PDB file of N, CA and C in Angstrom:
ATOM      1  N   UNK A   1       2.271  22.414-170.622  1.00  0.00           N
ATOM      2  CA  UNK A   1       2.418  22.311-169.194  1.00  0.00           C
ATOM      3  C   UNK A   1       2.437  23.683-168.544  1.00  0.00           C
ATOM      4  N   UNK A   2       1.993  24.694-169.241  1.00  0.00           N
ATOM      5  CA  UNK A   2       2.015  26.052-168.701  1.00  0.00           C
ATOM      6  C   UNK A   2       1.085  26.213-167.510  1.00  0.00           C
ATOM      7  N   UNK A   3       0.054  25.389-167.368  1.00  0.00           N
ATOM      8  CA  UNK A   3      -0.886  25.515-166.260  1.00  0.00           C
ATOM      9  C   UNK A   3      -0.473  24.686-165.047  1.00  0.00           C
ATOM     10  N   UNK A   4       0.665  24.033-165.129  1.00  0.00           N
ATOM     11  CA  UNK A   4       1.139  23.192-164.050  1.00  0.00           C
ATOM     12  C   UNK A   4       1.652  24.047-162.901  1.00  0.00           C
ATOM     13  N   UNK A   5       1.344  23.647-161.671  1.00  0.00           N
ATOM     14  CA  UNK A   5       1.782  24.367-160.481  1.00  0.00           C
ATOM     15  C   UNK A   5       3.193  23.915-160.119  1.00  0.00           C
ATOM     16  N   UNK A   6       4.193  24.761-160.370  1.00  0.00           N
ATOM     17  CA  UNK A   6       5.585  24.407-160.121  1.00  0.00           C
ATOM     18  C   UNK A   6       5.989  24.570-158.666  1.00  0.00           C
ATOM     19  N   UNK A   7       5.068  24.944-157.815  1.00  0.00           N
ATOM     20  CA  UNK A   7       5.424  25.128-156.411  1.00  0.00           C
ATOM     21  C   UNK A   7       5.644  23.805-155.701  1.00  0.00           C
ATOM     22  N   UNK A   8       5.114  22.718-156.239  1.00  0.00           N
ATOM     23  CA  UNK A   8       5.224  21.428-155.579  1.00  0.00           C
ATOM     24  C   UNK A   8       5.780  20.390-156.562  1.00  0.00           C
ATOM     25  N   UNK A   9       7.043  19.977-156.394  1.00  0.00           N
ATOM     26  CA  UNK A   9       7.623  19.006-157.319  1.00  0.00           C
ATOM     27  C   UNK A   9       6.881  17.670-157.321  1.00  0.00           C
ATOM     28  N   UNK A  10       6.236  17.317-156.208  1.00  0.00           N
ATOM     29  CA  UNK A  10       5.483  16.066-156.169  1.00  0.00           C
ATOM     30  C   UNK A  10       4.271  16.119-157.097  1.00  0.00           C
ATOM     31  N   UNK A  11       3.623  17.280-157.192  1.00  0.00           N
ATOM     32  CA  UNK A  11       2.490  17.425-158.112  1.00  0.00           C
ATOM     33  C   UNK A  11       2.967  17.336-159.564  1.00  0.00           C
ATOM     34  N   UNK A  12       4.159  17.865-159.837  1.00  0.00           N
ATOM     35  CA  UNK A  12       4.730  17.764-161.169  1.00  0.00           C
ATOM     36  C   UNK A  12       4.963  16.302-161.516  1.00  0.00           C
ATOM     37  N   UNK A  13       5.526  15.553-160.591  1.00  0.00           N
ATOM     38  CA  UNK A  13       5.775  14.134-160.799  1.00  0.00           C
ATOM     39  C   UNK A  13       4.468  13.379-161.030  1.00  0.00           C
ATOM     40  N   UNK A  14       3.446  13.666-160.242  1.00  0.00           N
ATOM     41  CA  UNK A  14       2.139  13.032-160.421  1.00  0.00           C
ATOM     42  C   UNK A  14       1.568  13.335-161.807  1.00  0.00           C
ATOM     43  N   UNK A  15       1.726  14.576-162.242  1.00  0.00           N
ATOM     44  CA  UNK A  15       1.238  14.984-163.561  1.00  0.00           C
ATOM     45  C   UNK A  15       1.936  14.199-164.671  1.00  0.00           C
ATOM     46  N   UNK A  16       3.234  14.026-164.549  1.00  0.00           N
ATOM     47  CA  UNK A  16       3.998  13.284-165.569  1.00  0.00           C
ATOM     48  C   UNK A  16       3.573  11.822-165.578  1.00  0.00           C
ATOM     49  N   UNK A  17       3.407  11.239-164.402  1.00  0.00           N
ATOM     50  CA  UNK A  17       2.954   9.845-164.338  1.00  0.00           C
ATOM     51  C   UNK A  17       1.566   9.692-164.952  1.00  0.00           C
ATOM     52  N   UNK A  18       0.689  10.675-164.714  1.00  0.00           N
ATOM     53  CA  UNK A  18      -0.656  10.650-165.296  1.00  0.00           C
ATOM     54  C   UNK A  18      -0.570  10.676-166.820  1.00  0.00           C
ATOM     55  N   UNK A  19       0.280  11.548-167.353  1.00  0.00           N
ATOM     56  CA  UNK A  19       0.447  11.617-168.806  1.00  0.00           C
ATOM     57  C   UNK A  19       0.983  10.306-169.366  1.00  0.00           C
ATOM     58  N   UNK A  20       1.941   9.709-168.669  1.00  0.00           N
ATOM     59  CA  UNK A  20       2.497   8.443-169.132  1.00  0.00           C
ATOM     60  C   UNK A  20       1.430   7.351-169.132  1.00  0.00           C
ATOM     61  N   UNK A  21       0.590   7.337-168.108  1.00  0.00           N
ATOM     62  CA  UNK A  21      -0.473   6.333-168.056  1.00  0.00           C
ATOM     63  C   UNK A  21      -1.480   6.533-169.182  1.00  0.00           C
ATOM     64  N   UNK A  22      -1.751   7.788-169.540  1.00  0.00           N
ATOM     65  CA  UNK A  22      -2.702   8.066-170.610  1.00  0.00           C
ATOM     66  C   UNK A  22      -2.211   7.551-171.963  1.00  0.00           C
ATOM     67  N   UNK A  23      -0.920   7.623-172.193  1.00  0.00           N
ATOM     68  CA  UNK A  23      -0.380   7.166-173.472  1.00  0.00           C
ATOM     69  C   UNK A  23       0.217   5.767-173.368  1.00  0.00           C
ATOM     70  N   UNK A  24       0.171   5.194-172.169  1.00  0.00           N
ATOM     71  CA  UNK A  24       0.650   3.842-171.892  1.00  0.00           C
ATOM     72  C   UNK A  24       2.084   3.613-172.333  1.00  0.00           C
ATOM     73  N   UNK A  25       2.911   4.617-172.162  1.00  0.00           N
ATOM     74  CA  UNK A  25       4.333   4.486-172.455  1.00  0.00           C
ATOM     75  C   UNK A  25       5.113   5.423-171.549  1.00  0.00           C
ATOM     76  N   UNK A  26       6.307   5.028-171.179  1.00  0.00           N
ATOM     77  CA  UNK A  26       7.137   5.851-170.305  1.00  0.00           C
ATOM     78  C   UNK A  26       8.035   6.751-171.126  1.00  0.00           C
ATOM     79  N   UNK A  27       7.882   8.046-170.942  1.00  0.00           N
ATOM     80  CA  UNK A  27       8.756   8.999-171.606  1.00  0.00           C
ATOM     81  C   UNK A  27      10.049   9.163-170.810  1.00  0.00           C
ATOM     82  N   UNK A  28       9.969   8.947-169.500  1.00  0.00           N
ATOM     83  CA  UNK A  28      11.118   9.080-168.616  1.00  0.00           C
ATOM     84  C   UNK A  28      11.107   7.932-167.630  1.00  0.00           C
ATOM     85  N   UNK A  29      12.247   7.563-167.132  1.00  0.00           N
ATOM     86  CA  UNK A  29      12.344   6.516-166.129  1.00  0.00           C
ATOM     87  C   UNK A  29      12.221   7.156-164.751  1.00  0.00           C
ATOM     88  N   UNK A  30      10.975   7.475-164.377  1.00  0.00           N
ATOM     89  CA  UNK A  30      10.679   8.194-163.142  1.00  0.00           C
ATOM     90  C   UNK A  30      11.164   7.424-161.913  1.00  0.00           C
ATOM     91  N   UNK A  31      11.055   6.109-161.944  1.00  0.00           N
ATOM     92  CA  UNK A  31      11.418   5.320-160.773  1.00  0.00           C
ATOM     93  C   UNK A  31      12.928   5.237-160.554  1.00  0.00           C
ATOM     94  N   UNK A  32      13.700   5.685-161.502  1.00  0.00           N
ATOM     95  CA  UNK A  32      15.156   5.694-161.356  1.00  0.00           C
ATOM     96  C   UNK A  32      15.625   7.095-160.989  1.00  0.00           C
ATOM     97  N   UNK A  33      14.997   7.661-160.027  1.00  0.00           N
ATOM     98  CA  UNK A  33      15.244   9.022-159.569  1.00  0.00           C
ATOM     99  C   UNK A  33      16.635   9.137-158.948  1.00  0.00           C
ATOM    100  N   UNK A  34      17.217  10.299-159.115  1.00  0.00           N
ATOM    101  CA  UNK A  34      18.524  10.578-158.545  1.00  0.00           C
ATOM    102  C   UNK A  34      18.436  11.889-157.763  1.00  0.00           C
ATOM    103  N   UNK A  35      18.742  11.821-156.483  1.00  0.00           N
ATOM    104  CA  UNK A  35      18.746  13.024-155.642  1.00  0.00           C
ATOM    105  C   UNK A  35      20.160  13.583-155.595  1.00  0.00           C
ATOM    106  N   UNK A  36      20.275  14.862-155.850  1.00  0.00           N
ATOM    107  CA  UNK A  36      21.572  15.538-155.805  1.00  0.00           C
ATOM    108  C   UNK A  36      21.457  16.701-154.834  1.00  0.00           C
ATOM    109  N   UNK A  37      22.365  16.780-153.898  1.00  0.00           N
ATOM    110  CA  UNK A  37      22.377  17.883-152.932  1.00  0.00           C
ATOM    111  C   UNK A  37      23.512  18.829-153.300  1.00  0.00           C
ATOM    112  N   UNK A  38      23.196  20.102-153.283  1.00  0.00           N
ATOM    113  CA  UNK A  38      24.183  21.134-153.568  1.00  0.00           C
ATOM    114  C   UNK A  38      24.294  22.022-152.342  1.00  0.00           C
ATOM    115  N   UNK A  39      25.504  22.305-151.934  1.00  0.00           N
ATOM    116  CA  UNK A  39      25.734  23.140-150.755  1.00  0.00           C
ATOM    117  C   UNK A  39      25.945  24.590-151.183  1.00  0.00           C
ATOM    118  N   UNK A  40      25.313  25.498-150.429  1.00  0.00           N
ATOM    119  CA  UNK A  40      25.400  26.927-150.704  1.00  0.00           C
ATOM    120  C   UNK A  40      25.941  27.644-149.474  1.00  0.00           C
ATOM    121  N   UNK A  41      26.647  28.728-149.747  1.00  0.00           N
ATOM    122  CA  UNK A  41      27.187  29.557-148.676  1.00  0.00           C
ATOM    123  C   UNK A  41      26.880  31.016-149.003  1.00  0.00           C
ATOM    124  N   UNK A  42      26.583  31.809-147.970  1.00  0.00           N
ATOM    125  CA  UNK A  42      26.224  33.218-148.161  1.00  0.00           C
ATOM    126  C   UNK A  42      27.469  34.046-148.469  1.00  0.00           C
ATOM    127  N   UNK A  43      27.326  34.893-149.487  1.00  0.00           N
ATOM    128  CA  UNK A  43      28.350  35.880-149.837  1.00  0.00           C
ATOM    129  C   UNK A  43      27.603  37.094-150.382  1.00  0.00           C
ATOM    130  N   UNK A  44      27.492  38.138-149.561  1.00  0.00           N
ATOM    131  CA  UNK A  44      26.690  39.310-149.930  1.00  0.00           C
ATOM    132  C   UNK A  44      27.298  40.133-151.068  1.00  0.00           C
ATOM    133  N   UNK A  45      28.510  39.830-151.485  1.00  0.00           N
ATOM    134  CA  UNK A  45      29.116  40.573-152.599  1.00  0.00           C
ATOM    135  C   UNK A  45      28.609  40.088-153.964  1.00  0.00           C
ATOM    136  N   UNK A  46      27.874  39.001-153.975  1.00  0.00           N
ATOM    137  CA  UNK A  46      27.344  38.437-155.225  1.00  0.00           C
ATOM    138  C   UNK A  46      25.976  39.050-155.495  1.00  0.00           C
ATOM    139  N   UNK A  47      25.728  39.429-156.731  1.00  0.00           N
ATOM    140  CA  UNK A  47      24.467  40.069-157.110  1.00  0.00           C
ATOM    141  C   UNK A  47      23.269  39.141-156.980  1.00  0.00           C
ATOM    142  N   UNK A  48      22.057  39.703-157.010  1.00  0.00           N
ATOM    143  CA  UNK A  48      20.831  38.907-156.897  1.00  0.00           C
ATOM    144  C   UNK A  48      20.708  37.891-158.031  1.00  0.00           C
ATOM    145  N   UNK A  49      20.200  36.717-157.681  1.00  0.00           N
ATOM    146  CA  UNK A  49      19.923  35.630-158.630  1.00  0.00           C
ATOM    147  C   UNK A  49      21.178  35.118-159.329  1.00  0.00           C
ATOM    148  N   UNK A  50      22.326  35.361-158.724  1.00  0.00           N
ATOM    149  CA  UNK A  50      23.594  34.905-159.291  1.00  0.00           C
ATOM    150  C   UNK A  50      24.262  33.920-158.332  1.00  0.00           C
ATOM    151  N   UNK A  51      25.032  33.002-158.899  1.00  0.00           N
ATOM    152  CA  UNK A  51      25.754  32.005-158.122  1.00  0.00           C
ATOM    153  C   UNK A  51      27.199  31.959-158.614  1.00  0.00           C
ATOM    154  N   UNK A  52      28.120  31.732-157.686  1.00  0.00           N
ATOM    155  CA  UNK A  52      29.528  31.555-158.037  1.00  0.00           C
ATOM    156  C   UNK A  52      30.019  30.284-157.379  1.00  0.00           C
ATOM    157  N   UNK A  53      30.896  29.548-158.045  1.00  0.00           N
ATOM    158  CA  UNK A  53      31.462  28.351-157.417  1.00  0.00           C
ATOM    159  C   UNK A  53      32.159  28.723-156.106  1.00  0.00           C
ATOM    160  N   UNK A  54      32.004  27.877-155.118  1.00  0.00           N
ATOM    161  CA  UNK A  54      32.609  28.105-153.812  1.00  0.00           C
ATOM    162  C   UNK A  54      33.987  27.444-153.777  1.00  0.00           C
ATOM    163  N   UNK A  55      35.052  28.238-153.643  1.00  0.00           N
ATOM    164  CA  UNK A  55      36.388  27.644-153.634  1.00  0.00           C
ATOM    165  C   UNK A  55      36.670  26.805-152.384  1.00  0.00           C
ATOM    166  N   UNK A  56      35.881  26.981-151.331  1.00  0.00           N
ATOM    167  CA  UNK A  56      36.097  26.233-150.084  1.00  0.00           C
ATOM    168  C   UNK A  56      35.310  24.927-150.021  1.00  0.00           C
ATOM    169  N   UNK A  57      34.242  24.810-150.829  1.00  0.00           N
ATOM    170  CA  UNK A  57      33.393  23.622-150.798  1.00  0.00           C
ATOM    171  C   UNK A  57      33.309  23.049-152.217  1.00  0.00           C
ATOM    172  N   UNK A  58      33.985  21.935-152.480  1.00  0.00           N
ATOM    173  CA  UNK A  58      33.920  21.346-153.826  1.00  0.00           C
ATOM    174  C   UNK A  58      32.473  21.042-154.229  1.00  0.00           C
ATOM    175  N   UNK A  59      32.088  21.508-155.397  1.00  0.00           N
ATOM    176  CA  UNK A  59      30.718  21.308-155.881  1.00  0.00           C
ATOM    177  C   UNK A  59      29.716  22.265-155.270  1.00  0.00           C
ATOM    178  N   UNK A  60      30.147  23.131-154.375  1.00  0.00           N
ATOM    179  CA  UNK A  60      29.260  24.088-153.712  1.00  0.00           C
ATOM    180  C   UNK A  60      29.258  25.427-154.432  1.00  0.00           C
ATOM    181  N   UNK A  61      28.323  26.274-154.032  1.00  0.00           N
ATOM    182  CA  UNK A  61      28.181  27.594-154.646  1.00  0.00           C
ATOM    183  C   UNK A  61      27.968  28.652-153.582  1.00  0.00           C
ATOM    184  N   UNK A  62      28.261  29.892-153.948  1.00  0.00           N
ATOM    185  CA  UNK A  62      28.016  31.042-153.087  1.00  0.00           C
ATOM    186  C   UNK A  62      26.950  31.906-153.748  1.00  0.00           C
ATOM    187  N   UNK A  63      26.139  32.557-152.918  1.00  0.00           N
ATOM    188  CA  UNK A  63      25.094  33.467-153.405  1.00  0.00           C
ATOM    189  C   UNK A  63      24.744  34.408-152.257  1.00  0.00           C
ATOM    190  N   UNK A  64      24.079  35.528-152.593  1.00  0.00           N
ATOM    191  CA  UNK A  64      23.692  36.434-151.502  1.00  0.00           C
ATOM    192  C   UNK A  64      22.504  35.848-150.736  1.00  0.00           C
ATOM    193  N   UNK A  65      22.250  36.383-149.559  1.00  0.00           N
ATOM    194  CA  UNK A  65      21.237  35.799-148.672  1.00  0.00           C
ATOM    195  C   UNK A  65      19.830  35.864-149.262  1.00  0.00           C
ATOM    196  N   UNK A  66      19.493  36.928-149.998  1.00  0.00           N
ATOM    197  CA  UNK A  66      18.157  37.004-150.611  1.00  0.00           C
ATOM    198  C   UNK A  66      17.993  35.937-151.689  1.00  0.00           C
ATOM    199  N   UNK A  67      19.023  35.712-152.470  1.00  0.00           N
ATOM    200  CA  UNK A  67      18.962  34.667-153.502  1.00  0.00           C
ATOM    201  C   UNK A  67      18.718  33.304-152.856  1.00  0.00           C
ATOM    202  N   UNK A  68      19.431  33.020-151.782  1.00  0.00           N
ATOM    203  CA  UNK A  68      19.267  31.728-151.105  1.00  0.00           C
ATOM    204  C   UNK A  68      17.882  31.601-150.481  1.00  0.00           C
ATOM    205  N   UNK A  69      17.351  32.690-149.948  1.00  0.00           N
ATOM    206  CA  UNK A  69      16.007  32.675-149.371  1.00  0.00           C
ATOM    207  C   UNK A  69      14.953  32.485-150.466  1.00  0.00           C
ATOM    208  N   UNK A  70      15.193  33.043-151.642  1.00  0.00           N
ATOM    209  CA  UNK A  70      14.213  33.013-152.728  1.00  0.00           C
ATOM    210  C   UNK A  70      14.180  31.678-153.475  1.00  0.00           C
ATOM    211  N   UNK A  71      15.240  30.908-153.384  1.00  0.00           N
ATOM    212  CA  UNK A  71      15.334  29.637-154.120  1.00  0.00           C
ATOM    213  C   UNK A  71      14.322  28.608-153.626  1.00  0.00           C
ATOM    214  N   UNK A  72      13.843  27.810-154.542  1.00  0.00           N
ATOM    215  CA  UNK A  72      13.048  26.655-154.140  1.00  0.00           C
ATOM    216  C   UNK A  72      13.986  25.624-153.515  1.00  0.00           C
ATOM    217  N   UNK A  73      13.559  24.958-152.446  1.00  0.00           N
ATOM    218  CA  UNK A  73      14.444  23.986-151.799  1.00  0.00           C
ATOM    219  C   UNK A  73      14.633  22.709-152.621  1.00  0.00           C
ATOM    220  N   UNK A  74      13.658  22.396-153.468  1.00  0.00           N
ATOM    221  CA  UNK A  74      13.732  21.193-154.299  1.00  0.00           C
ATOM    222  C   UNK A  74      13.437  21.558-155.743  1.00  0.00           C
ATOM    223  N   UNK A  75      14.296  21.123-156.635  1.00  0.00           N
ATOM    224  CA  UNK A  75      14.061  21.329-158.064  1.00  0.00           C
ATOM    225  C   UNK A  75      13.797  19.983-158.696  1.00  0.00           C
ATOM    226  N   UNK A  76      12.899  19.974-159.641  1.00  0.00           N
ATOM    227  CA  UNK A  76      12.521  18.758-160.339  1.00  0.00           C
ATOM    228  C   UNK A  76      12.997  18.891-161.777  1.00  0.00           C
ATOM    229  N   UNK A  77      13.901  18.021-162.201  1.00  0.00           N
ATOM    230  CA  UNK A  77      14.469  18.104-163.538  1.00  0.00           C
ATOM    231  C   UNK A  77      14.295  16.755-164.228  1.00  0.00           C
ATOM    232  N   UNK A  78      13.842  16.796-165.455  1.00  0.00           N
ATOM    233  CA  UNK A  78      13.724  15.588-166.266  1.00  0.00           C
ATOM    234  C   UNK A  78      14.787  15.636-167.355  1.00  0.00           C
ATOM    235  N   UNK A  79      15.645  14.653-167.376  1.00  0.00           N
ATOM    236  CA  UNK A  79      16.656  14.606-168.422  1.00  0.00           C
ATOM    237  C   UNK A  79      17.723  15.663-168.233  1.00  0.00           C
ATOM    238  N   UNK A  80      18.215  16.169-169.344  1.00  0.00           N
ATOM    239  CA  UNK A  80      19.342  17.107-169.323  1.00  0.00           C
ATOM    240  C   UNK A  80      18.913  18.568-169.300  1.00  0.00           C
ATOM    241  N   UNK A  81      17.627  18.851-169.473  1.00  0.00           N
ATOM    242  CA  UNK A  81      17.182  20.227-169.642  1.00  0.00           C
ATOM    243  C   UNK A  81      16.104  20.607-168.635  1.00  0.00           C
ATOM    244  N   UNK A  82      16.034  21.897-168.324  1.00  0.00           N
ATOM    245  CA  UNK A  82      14.967  22.410-167.461  1.00  0.00           C
ATOM    246  C   UNK A  82      13.903  23.130-168.291  1.00  0.00           C
ATOM    247  N   UNK A  83      14.047  23.121-169.611  1.00  0.00           N
ATOM    248  CA  UNK A  83      13.146  23.874-170.482  1.00  0.00           C
ATOM    249  C   UNK A  83      11.697  23.372-170.431  1.00  0.00           C
ATOM    250  N   UNK A  84      11.486  22.073-170.265  1.00  0.00           N
ATOM    251  CA  UNK A  84      10.130  21.528-170.270  1.00  0.00           C
ATOM    252  C   UNK A  84       9.252  22.098-169.169  1.00  0.00           C
ATOM    253  N   UNK A  85       9.852  22.443-168.043  1.00  0.00           N
ATOM    254  CA  UNK A  85       9.087  22.930-166.898  1.00  0.00           C
ATOM    255  C   UNK A  85       9.177  24.445-166.736  1.00  0.00           C
ATOM    256  N   UNK A  86       9.739  25.108-167.710  1.00  0.00           N
ATOM    257  CA  UNK A  86       9.937  26.553-167.645  1.00  0.00           C
ATOM    258  C   UNK A  86       8.606  27.306-167.695  1.00  0.00           C
ATOM    259  N   UNK A  87       8.441  28.248-166.769  1.00  0.00           N
ATOM    260  CA  UNK A  87       7.263  29.119-166.746  1.00  0.00           C
ATOM    261  C   UNK A  87       7.711  30.528-166.384  1.00  0.00           C
ATOM    262  N   UNK A  88       7.576  31.445-167.314  1.00  0.00           N
ATOM    263  CA  UNK A  88       8.006  32.824-167.086  1.00  0.00           C
ATOM    264  C   UNK A  88       7.011  33.570-166.207  1.00  0.00           C
ATOM    265  N   UNK A  89       7.553  34.479-165.402  1.00  0.00           N
ATOM    266  CA  UNK A  89       6.747  35.305-164.515  1.00  0.00           C
ATOM    267  C   UNK A  89       7.373  36.689-164.487  1.00  0.00           C
ATOM    268  N   UNK A  90       6.579  37.720-164.680  1.00  0.00           N
ATOM    269  CA  UNK A  90       7.062  39.096-164.611  1.00  0.00           C
ATOM    270  C   UNK A  90       6.727  39.670-163.245  1.00  0.00           C
ATOM    271  N   UNK A  91       7.761  39.938-162.467  1.00  0.00           N
ATOM    272  CA  UNK A  91       7.593  40.497-161.125  1.00  0.00           C
ATOM    273  C   UNK A  91       7.256  41.987-161.226  1.00  0.00           C
ATOM    274  N   UNK A  92       6.616  42.503-160.203  1.00  0.00           N
ATOM    275  CA  UNK A  92       6.279  43.929-160.166  1.00  0.00           C
ATOM    276  C   UNK A  92       7.525  44.813-160.178  1.00  0.00           C
ATOM    277  N   UNK A  93       8.690  44.257-159.814  1.00  0.00           N
ATOM    278  CA  UNK A  93       9.929  45.046-159.818  1.00  0.00           C
ATOM    279  C   UNK A  93      10.508  45.173-161.230  1.00  0.00           C
ATOM    280  N   UNK A  94       9.884  44.475-162.201  1.00  0.00           N
ATOM    281  CA  UNK A  94      10.331  44.582-163.583  1.00  0.00           C
ATOM    282  C   UNK A  94      11.209  43.441-164.058  1.00  0.00           C
ATOM    283  N   UNK A  95      11.570  42.513-163.192  1.00  0.00           N
ATOM    284  CA  UNK A  95      12.421  41.390-163.578  1.00  0.00           C
ATOM    285  C   UNK A  95      11.571  40.207-164.027  1.00  0.00           C
ATOM    286  N   UNK A  96      12.051  39.509-165.041  1.00  0.00           N
ATOM    287  CA  UNK A  96      11.384  38.287-165.503  1.00  0.00           C
ATOM    288  C   UNK A  96      12.066  37.098-164.838  1.00  0.00           C
ATOM    289  N   UNK A  97      11.261  36.215-164.274  1.00  0.00           N
ATOM    290  CA  UNK A  97      11.767  35.057-163.537  1.00  0.00           C
ATOM    291  C   UNK A  97      11.203  33.773-164.133  1.00  0.00           C
ATOM    292  N   UNK A  98      11.894  32.675-163.907  1.00  0.00           N
ATOM    293  CA  UNK A  98      11.372  31.356-164.228  1.00  0.00           C
ATOM    294  C   UNK A  98      10.934  30.752-162.896  1.00  0.00           C
ATOM    295  N   UNK A  99       9.634  30.610-162.692  1.00  0.00           N
ATOM    296  CA  UNK A  99       9.129  30.231-161.369  1.00  0.00           C
ATOM    297  C   UNK A  99       9.438  28.792-160.973  1.00  0.00           C
ATOM    298  N   UNK A 100       9.988  28.004-161.892  1.00  0.00           N
ATOM    299  CA  UNK A 100      10.388  26.666-161.471  1.00  0.00           C
ATOM    300  C   UNK A 100      11.568  26.715-160.497  1.00  0.00           C
ATOM    301  N   UNK A 101      12.277  27.849-160.451  1.00  0.00           N
ATOM    302  CA  UNK A 101      13.440  27.978-159.588  1.00  0.00           C
ATOM    303  C   UNK A 101      13.217  28.831-158.344  1.00  0.00           C
ATOM    304  N   UNK A 102      12.196  29.694-158.361  1.00  0.00           N
ATOM    305  CA  UNK A 102      12.063  30.699-157.306  1.00  0.00           C
ATOM    306  C   UNK A 102      10.722  30.623-156.589  1.00  0.00           C
ATOM    307  N   UNK A 103      10.737  30.806-155.259  1.00  0.00           N
ATOM    308  CA  UNK A 103       9.494  30.942-154.487  1.00  0.00           C
ATOM    309  C   UNK A 103       9.246  32.405-154.142  1.00  0.00           C
ATOM    310  N   UNK A 104      10.301  33.229-154.189  1.00  0.00           N
ATOM    311  CA  UNK A 104      10.239  34.686-154.017  1.00  0.00           C
ATOM    312  C   UNK A 104      11.053  35.303-155.144  1.00  0.00           C
ATOM    313  N   UNK A 105      10.838  36.560-155.396  1.00  0.00           N
ATOM    314  CA  UNK A 105      11.675  37.259-156.359  1.00  0.00           C
ATOM    315  C   UNK A 105      13.069  37.459-155.736  1.00  0.00           C
ATOM    316  N   UNK A 106      14.123  36.994-156.380  1.00  0.00           N
ATOM    317  CA  UNK A 106      15.460  37.141-155.811  1.00  0.00           C
ATOM    318  C   UNK A 106      16.016  38.570-155.925  1.00  0.00           C
ATOM    319  N   UNK A 107      15.253  39.461-156.565  1.00  0.00           N
ATOM    320  CA  UNK A 107      15.689  40.847-156.709  1.00  0.00           C
ATOM    321  C   UNK A 107      15.029  41.769-155.683  1.00  0.00           C
ATOM    322  N   UNK A 108      13.735  41.502-155.378  1.00  0.00           N
ATOM    323  CA  UNK A 108      13.002  42.420-154.485  1.00  0.00           C
ATOM    324  C   UNK A 108      12.311  41.727-153.308  1.00  0.00           C
ATOM    325  N   UNK A 109      12.365  40.401-153.260  1.00  0.00           N
ATOM    326  CA  UNK A 109      11.777  39.586-152.174  1.00  0.00           C
ATOM    327  C   UNK A 109      10.258  39.533-152.176  1.00  0.00           C
ATOM    328  N   UNK A 110       9.596  40.001-153.272  1.00  0.00           N
ATOM    329  CA  UNK A 110       8.134  39.872-153.349  1.00  0.00           C
ATOM    330  C   UNK A 110       7.759  38.405-153.528  1.00  0.00           C
ATOM    331  N   UNK A 111       6.653  38.018-152.931  1.00  0.00           N
ATOM    332  CA  UNK A 111       6.116  36.682-153.118  1.00  0.00           C
ATOM    333  C   UNK A 111       5.622  36.545-154.546  1.00  0.00           C
ATOM    334  N   UNK A 112       5.901  35.422-155.148  1.00  0.00           N
ATOM    335  CA  UNK A 112       5.423  35.158-156.504  1.00  0.00           C
ATOM    336  C   UNK A 112       3.977  34.703-156.398  1.00  0.00           C
ATOM    337  N   UNK A 113       3.074  35.470-156.974  1.00  0.00           N
ATOM    338  CA  UNK A 113       1.656  35.120-156.906  1.00  0.00           C
ATOM    339  C   UNK A 113       1.175  34.767-158.308  1.00  0.00           C
ATOM    340  N   UNK A 114       0.668  33.567-158.407  1.00  0.00           N
ATOM    341  CA  UNK A 114       0.207  33.074-159.720  1.00  0.00           C
ATOM    342  C   UNK A 114      -1.282  33.250-159.872  1.00  0.00           C
TER     343      UNK A 114
END
């Protein structure tokens, strides 16, 4: 799945459904989708690409403003792991990122270009 475009979770879902149709068996129960919302709050004292639990919002997290701007608004996860959709990207700033989570580099704000 290294050639899959992780910028659009709907395309990822379509790809998985296509694979399931090809083998005529369901590897995942796609139709039993669960949406989870996580609340984030800005805290500039937190380093780039890092998150800390928010003591004021149960289940929420704090992160710096660049990290929040760089995050993808929707993540697509199958099962208990994110490893299946992992795609490494080396940013020009020298940091290695997993593009399934980021639309910008959370360290330097460069656009991720594939």
